C-alpha atoms as a PDB file:
ATOM      1  CA  UNK A   1       4.086 -13.903   9.559  1.00  0.00           C
ATOM      2  CA  UNK A   2       2.951 -16.046  12.413  1.00  0.00           C
ATOM      3  CA  UNK A   3       0.469 -18.843  11.880  1.00  0.00           C
ATOM      4  CA  UNK A   4       1.425 -19.520   8.267  1.00  0.00           C
ATOM      5  CA  UNK A   5       0.435 -16.197   6.688  1.00  0.00           C
ATOM      6  CA  UNK A   6       2.447 -14.508   3.947  1.00  0.00           C
ATOM      7  CA  UNK A   7       2.962 -10.781   3.370  1.00  0.00           C
ATOM      8  CA  UNK A   8       2.736  -9.762  -0.270  1.00  0.00           C
ATOM      9  CA  UNK A   9       3.220  -6.632  -2.352  1.00  0.00           C
ATOM     10  CA  UNK A  10       1.207  -3.432  -1.698  1.00  0.00           C
ATOM     11  CA  UNK A  11      -0.131  -4.415   1.707  1.00  0.00           C
ATOM     12  CA  UNK A  12      -1.719  -7.665   0.538  1.00  0.00           C
ATOM     13  CA  UNK A  13      -1.729 -10.590   2.948  1.00  0.00           C
ATOM     14  CA  UNK A  14      -2.409 -14.269   2.343  1.00  0.00           C
ATOM     15  CA  UNK A  15      -3.524 -16.088   5.470  1.00  0.00           C
ATOM     16  CA  UNK A  16      -2.758 -19.673   6.348  1.00  0.00           C
ATOM     17  CA  UNK A  17      -5.948 -20.823   4.578  1.00  0.00           C
ATOM     18  CA  UNK A  18      -4.997 -19.087   1.313  1.00  0.00           C
ATOM     19  CA  UNK A  19      -7.459 -16.218   1.676  1.00  0.00           C
ATOM     20  CA  UNK A  20      -6.042 -12.907   0.356  1.00  0.00           C
ATOM     21  CA  UNK A  21      -6.904  -9.528   1.776  1.00  0.00           C
ATOM     22  CA  UNK A  22      -5.413  -6.050   1.736  1.00  0.00           C
ATOM     23  CA  UNK A  23      -4.887  -3.406   4.375  1.00  0.00           C
ATOM     24  CA  UNK A  24      -5.466   0.019   2.818  1.00  0.00           C
ATOM     25  CA  UNK A  25      -4.896   3.115   4.953  1.00  0.00           C
ATOM     26  CA  UNK A  26      -7.478   5.844   4.302  1.00  0.00           C
ATOM     27  CA  UNK A  27      -4.709   8.384   3.662  1.00  0.00           C
ATOM     28  CA  UNK A  28      -3.355   6.225   0.810  1.00  0.00           C
ATOM     29  CA  UNK A  29      -6.723   6.259  -0.925  1.00  0.00           C
ATOM     30  CA  UNK A  30      -6.940  10.034  -0.488  1.00  0.00           C
ATOM     31  CA  UNK A  31      -3.477  10.565  -1.993  1.00  0.00           C
ATOM     32  CA  UNK A  32      -4.149   8.278  -4.969  1.00  0.00           C
ATOM     33  CA  UNK A  33      -7.451  10.077  -5.626  1.00  0.00           C
ATOM     34  CA  UNK A  34      -5.783  13.516  -5.668  1.00  0.00           C
ATOM     35  CA  UNK A  35      -6.815  15.563  -8.740  1.00  0.00           C
ATOM     36  CA  UNK A  36      -3.112  16.333  -9.295  1.00  0.00           C
ATOM     37  CA  UNK A  37      -2.376  13.193 -11.311  1.00  0.00           C
ATOM     38  CA  UNK A  38       1.412  13.633 -11.013  1.00  0.00           C
ATOM     39  CA  UNK A  39       1.215  13.515  -7.210  1.00  0.00           C
ATOM     40  CA  UNK A  40      -1.081  10.504  -7.349  1.00  0.00           C
ATOM     41  CA  UNK A  41       1.277   8.764  -9.780  1.00  0.00           C
ATOM     42  CA  UNK A  42       4.304   9.294  -7.515  1.00  0.00           C
ATOM     43  CA  UNK A  43       2.438   7.827  -4.536  1.00  0.00           C
ATOM     44  CA  UNK A  44       1.280   4.837  -6.590  1.00  0.00           C
ATOM     45  CA  UNK A  45       4.798   4.119  -7.851  1.00  0.00           C
ATOM     46  CA  UNK A  46       6.240   4.221  -4.326  1.00  0.00           C
ATOM     47  CA  UNK A  47       3.436   2.015  -2.997  1.00  0.00           C
ATOM     48  CA  UNK A  48       4.020  -0.597  -5.703  1.00  0.00           C
ATOM     49  CA  UNK A  49       7.541  -1.149  -4.348  1.00  0.00           C
ATOM     50  CA  UNK A  50       6.313  -1.830  -0.815  1.00  0.00           C
ATOM     51  CA  UNK A  51       5.245  -4.962   0.985  1.00  0.00           C
ATOM     52  CA  UNK A  52       4.141  -3.248   4.182  1.00  0.00           C
ATOM     53  CA  UNK A  53       2.554   0.134   3.521  1.00  0.00           C
ATOM     54  CA  UNK A  54       4.815   2.890   4.898  1.00  0.00           C
ATOM     55  CA  UNK A  55       2.733   6.057   5.243  1.00  0.00           C
ATOM     56  CA  UNK A  56       5.770   8.279   5.928  1.00  0.00           C
ATOM     57  CA  UNK A  57       7.322   7.280   2.584  1.00  0.00           C
ATOM     58  CA  UNK A  58       3.990   7.736   0.798  1.00  0.00           C
ATOM     59  CA  UNK A  59       3.600  11.218   2.281  1.00  0.00           C
ATOM     60  CA  UNK A  60       7.148  12.118   1.142  1.00  0.00           C
ATOM     61  CA  UNK A  61       6.300  11.045  -2.407  1.00  0.00           C
ATOM     62  CA  UNK A  62       3.044  12.996  -2.210  1.00  0.00           C
ATOM     63  CA  UNK A  63       4.856  16.241  -1.410  1.00  0.00           C
END
């Protein structure tokens, strides 16, 4: 990243001052909260392998 930031697992970012924050797309939260726990588990497992959140891949795992 520019300006000294670092991308980390699951959409987490660490800025140049060491502050950590996470970008969480609304659709990801909806998929993880699905009452079908198997669907939610698949999405979570795919997300855990990501640095940048890829919604297309999450939606494929959700289906």
